[in-house]
Amino acid sequence: MAAEHHEKFKGGVYPSGIEEEQIHRYARIYKIMDVYDALPSRP
């Protein structure tokens, strides 16, 4: 989950280039939580 939350839903190369349904459900949820957490802390 920690590594896969960096993946892009439409594919990419970081860290393993998986996409869409290959990304574990919990990693996709974690990605949303990570972005939500980062939004108010950006200057």
PDB file of N, CA and C in Angstrom:
ATOM      1  N   MET A   1       0.828  -1.187   0.000  1.00  0.00           N
ATOM      2  CA  MET A   1       0.000   0.000   0.000  1.00  0.00           C
ATOM      3  C   MET A   1       0.870   1.248   0.000  1.00  0.00           C
ATOM      4  N   ALA A   2       1.920   1.249   0.784  1.00  0.00           N
ATOM      5  CA  ALA A   2       2.766   2.437   0.867  1.00  0.00           C
ATOM      6  C   ALA A   2       3.453   2.745  -0.458  1.00  0.00           C
ATOM      7  N   ALA A   3       3.907   1.735  -1.160  1.00  0.00           N
ATOM      8  CA  ALA A   3       4.584   1.969  -2.436  1.00  0.00           C
ATOM      9  C   ALA A   3       3.592   2.253  -3.552  1.00  0.00           C
ATOM     10  N   GLU A   4       2.482   1.542  -3.555  1.00  0.00           N
ATOM     11  CA  GLU A   4       1.527   1.683  -4.650  1.00  0.00           C
ATOM     12  C   GLU A   4       0.755   2.989  -4.611  1.00  0.00           C
ATOM     13  N   HIS A   5       0.715   3.692  -3.494  1.00  0.00           N
ATOM     14  CA  HIS A   5      -0.059   4.932  -3.464  1.00  0.00           C
ATOM     15  C   HIS A   5       0.580   6.021  -4.314  1.00  0.00           C
ATOM     16  N   HIS A   6       1.802   5.796  -4.777  1.00  0.00           N
ATOM     17  CA  HIS A   6       2.450   6.741  -5.681  1.00  0.00           C
ATOM     18  C   HIS A   6       2.055   6.526  -7.134  1.00  0.00           C
ATOM     19  N   GLU A   7       1.441   5.409  -7.441  1.00  0.00           N
ATOM     20  CA  GLU A   7       1.068   5.094  -8.821  1.00  0.00           C
ATOM     21  C   GLU A   7      -0.041   6.027  -9.309  1.00  0.00           C
ATOM     22  N   LYS A   8      -0.033   6.305 -10.590  1.00  0.00           N
ATOM     23  CA  LYS A   8      -1.097   7.089 -11.224  1.00  0.00           C
ATOM     24  C   LYS A   8      -2.159   6.134 -11.744  1.00  0.00           C
ATOM     25  N   PHE A   9      -3.424   6.486 -11.616  1.00  0.00           N
ATOM     26  CA  PHE A   9      -4.501   5.606 -12.055  1.00  0.00           C
ATOM     27  C   PHE A   9      -4.432   5.340 -13.551  1.00  0.00           C
ATOM     28  N   LYS A  10      -4.032   6.328 -14.325  1.00  0.00           N
ATOM     29  CA  LYS A  10      -3.935   6.155 -15.780  1.00  0.00           C
ATOM     30  C   LYS A  10      -2.578   5.602 -16.218  1.00  0.00           C
ATOM     31  N   GLY A  11      -1.777   5.158 -15.295  1.00  0.00           N
ATOM     32  CA  GLY A  11      -0.489   4.547 -15.630  1.00  0.00           C
ATOM     33  C   GLY A  11       0.659   5.510 -15.464  1.00  0.00           C
ATOM     34  N   GLY A  12       1.820   4.963 -15.428  1.00  0.00           N
ATOM     35  CA  GLY A  12       3.018   5.755 -15.243  1.00  0.00           C
ATOM     36  C   GLY A  12       4.203   4.838 -15.038  1.00  0.00           C
ATOM     37  N   VAL A  13       5.276   5.416 -14.605  1.00  0.00           N
ATOM     38  CA  VAL A  13       6.490   4.630 -14.461  1.00  0.00           C
ATOM     39  C   VAL A  13       6.994   4.569 -13.028  1.00  0.00           C
ATOM     40  N   TYR A  14       6.308   5.187 -12.079  1.00  0.00           N
ATOM     41  CA  TYR A  14       6.811   5.239 -10.710  1.00  0.00           C
ATOM     42  C   TYR A  14       5.865   4.544  -9.766  1.00  0.00           C
ATOM     43  N   PRO A  15       6.251   3.674  -8.911  1.00  0.00           N
ATOM     44  CA  PRO A  15       7.516   2.960  -8.922  1.00  0.00           C
ATOM     45  C   PRO A  15       7.512   1.745  -9.846  1.00  0.00           C
ATOM     46  N   SER A  16       6.346   1.174 -10.164  1.00  0.00           N
ATOM     47  CA  SER A  16       6.374  -0.045 -10.984  1.00  0.00           C
ATOM     48  C   SER A  16       5.524   0.037 -12.247  1.00  0.00           C
ATOM     49  N   GLY A  17       4.893   1.154 -12.505  1.00  0.00           N
ATOM     50  CA  GLY A  17       4.179   1.354 -13.757  1.00  0.00           C
ATOM     51  C   GLY A  17       2.849   0.642 -13.876  1.00  0.00           C
ATOM     52  N   ILE A  18       2.296   0.193 -12.765  1.00  0.00           N
ATOM     53  CA  ILE A  18       0.985  -0.452 -12.843  1.00  0.00           C
ATOM     54  C   ILE A  18      -0.094   0.611 -12.980  1.00  0.00           C
ATOM     55  N   GLU A  19      -1.289   0.208 -13.391  1.00  0.00           N
ATOM     56  CA  GLU A  19      -2.354   1.185 -13.604  1.00  0.00           C
ATOM     57  C   GLU A  19      -3.714   0.598 -13.272  1.00  0.00           C
ATOM     58  N   GLU A  20      -4.676   1.476 -13.151  1.00  0.00           N
ATOM     59  CA  GLU A  20      -6.085   1.197 -12.920  1.00  0.00           C
ATOM     60  C   GLU A  20      -6.316   0.091 -11.899  1.00  0.00           C
ATOM     61  N   GLU A  21      -6.967  -0.979 -12.286  1.00  0.00           N
ATOM     62  CA  GLU A  21      -7.373  -2.017 -11.343  1.00  0.00           C
ATOM     63  C   GLU A  21      -6.211  -2.845 -10.811  1.00  0.00           C
ATOM     64  N   GLN A  22      -5.022  -2.680 -11.363  1.00  0.00           N
ATOM     65  CA  GLN A  22      -3.848  -3.382 -10.841  1.00  0.00           C
ATOM     66  C   GLN A  22      -3.392  -2.775  -9.519  1.00  0.00           C
ATOM     67  N   ILE A  23      -3.727  -1.527  -9.302  1.00  0.00           N
ATOM     68  CA  ILE A  23      -3.384  -0.852  -8.055  1.00  0.00           C
ATOM     69  C   ILE A  23      -4.362  -1.324  -6.989  1.00  0.00           C
ATOM     70  N   HIS A  24      -3.827  -1.768  -5.876  1.00  0.00           N
ATOM     71  CA  HIS A  24      -4.678  -2.302  -4.813  1.00  0.00           C
ATOM     72  C   HIS A  24      -5.666  -1.240  -4.323  1.00  0.00           C
ATOM     73  N   ARG A  25      -6.839  -1.673  -3.983  1.00  0.00           N
ATOM     74  CA  ARG A  25      -7.905  -0.771  -3.528  1.00  0.00           C
ATOM     75  C   ARG A  25      -7.451   0.096  -2.362  1.00  0.00           C
ATOM     76  N   TYR A  26      -6.768  -0.495  -1.392  1.00  0.00           N
ATOM     77  CA  TYR A  26      -6.322   0.269  -0.227  1.00  0.00           C
ATOM     78  C   TYR A  26      -5.277   1.316  -0.607  1.00  0.00           C
ATOM     79  N   ALA A  27      -4.463   1.020  -1.607  1.00  0.00           N
ATOM     80  CA  ALA A  27      -3.479   2.003  -2.058  1.00  0.00           C
ATOM     81  C   ALA A  27      -4.174   3.184  -2.709  1.00  0.00           C
ATOM     82  N   ARG A  28      -5.253   2.929  -3.447  1.00  0.00           N
ATOM     83  CA  ARG A  28      -6.004   4.027  -4.064  1.00  0.00           C
ATOM     84  C   ARG A  28      -6.686   4.878  -3.001  1.00  0.00           C
ATOM     85  N   ILE A  29      -7.203   4.252  -1.967  1.00  0.00           N
ATOM     86  CA  ILE A  29      -7.814   4.994  -0.859  1.00  0.00           C
ATOM     87  C   ILE A  29      -6.752   5.817  -0.140  1.00  0.00           C
ATOM     88  N   TYR A  30      -5.598   5.205   0.086  1.00  0.00           N
ATOM     89  CA  TYR A  30      -4.503   5.912   0.758  1.00  0.00           C
ATOM     90  C   TYR A  30      -4.056   7.126  -0.046  1.00  0.00           C
ATOM     91  N   LYS A  31      -4.036   7.018  -1.361  1.00  0.00           N
ATOM     92  CA  LYS A  31      -3.663   8.139  -2.235  1.00  0.00           C
ATOM     93  C   LYS A  31      -4.607   9.322  -2.011  1.00  0.00           C
ATOM     94  N   ILE A  32      -5.895   9.045  -1.946  1.00  0.00           N
ATOM     95  CA  ILE A  32      -6.875  10.098  -1.699  1.00  0.00           C
ATOM     96  C   ILE A  32      -6.638  10.739  -0.341  1.00  0.00           C
ATOM     97  N   MET A  33      -6.391   9.916   0.682  1.00  0.00           N
ATOM     98  CA  MET A  33      -6.133  10.453   2.021  1.00  0.00           C
ATOM     99  C   MET A  33      -4.857  11.282   2.045  1.00  0.00           C
ATOM    100  N   ASP A  34      -3.836  10.846   1.320  1.00  0.00           N
ATOM    101  CA  ASP A  34      -2.567  11.560   1.283  1.00  0.00           C
ATOM    102  C   ASP A  34      -2.726  12.934   0.630  1.00  0.00           C
ATOM    103  N   VAL A  35      -3.443  12.992  -0.474  1.00  0.00           N
ATOM    104  CA  VAL A  35      -3.679  14.277  -1.154  1.00  0.00           C
ATOM    105  C   VAL A  35      -4.519  15.188  -0.265  1.00  0.00           C
ATOM    106  N   TYR A  36      -5.563  14.644   0.354  1.00  0.00           N
ATOM    107  CA  TYR A  36      -6.426  15.436   1.224  1.00  0.00           C
ATOM    108  C   TYR A  36      -5.622  16.001   2.401  1.00  0.00           C
ATOM    109  N   ASP A  37      -4.704  15.220   2.928  1.00  0.00           N
ATOM    110  CA  ASP A  37      -3.877  15.675   4.034  1.00  0.00           C
ATOM    111  C   ASP A  37      -2.906  16.775   3.581  1.00  0.00           C
ATOM    112  N   ALA A  38      -2.397  16.668   2.354  1.00  0.00           N
ATOM    113  CA  ALA A  38      -1.394  17.620   1.879  1.00  0.00           C
ATOM    114  C   ALA A  38      -1.984  18.959   1.463  1.00  0.00           C
ATOM    115  N   LEU A  39      -3.230  18.991   1.053  1.00  0.00           N
ATOM    116  CA  LEU A  39      -3.821  20.225   0.540  1.00  0.00           C
ATOM    117  C   LEU A  39      -3.756  21.401   1.512  1.00  0.00           C
ATOM    118  N   PRO A  40      -4.209  21.262   2.746  1.00  0.00           N
ATOM    119  CA  PRO A  40      -4.168  22.431   3.634  1.00  0.00           C
ATOM    120  C   PRO A  40      -2.774  22.793   4.123  1.00  0.00           C
ATOM    121  N   SER A  41      -1.790  21.911   3.965  1.00  0.00           N
ATOM    122  CA  SER A  41      -0.466  22.208   4.491  1.00  0.00           C
ATOM    123  C   SER A  41       0.460  22.846   3.471  1.00  0.00           C
ATOM    124  N   ARG A  42      -0.005  23.051   2.246  1.00  0.00           N
ATOM    125  CA  ARG A  42       0.833  23.698   1.239  1.00  0.00           C
ATOM    126  C   ARG A  42       0.727  25.214   1.374  1.00  0.00           C
ATOM    127  N   PRO A  43       1.869  25.912   1.223  1.00  0.00           N
ATOM    128  CA  PRO A  43       1.848  27.380   1.363  1.00  0.00           C
ATOM    129  C   PRO A  43       1.151  28.070   0.220  1.00  0.00           C
TER     130      PRO A  43
END
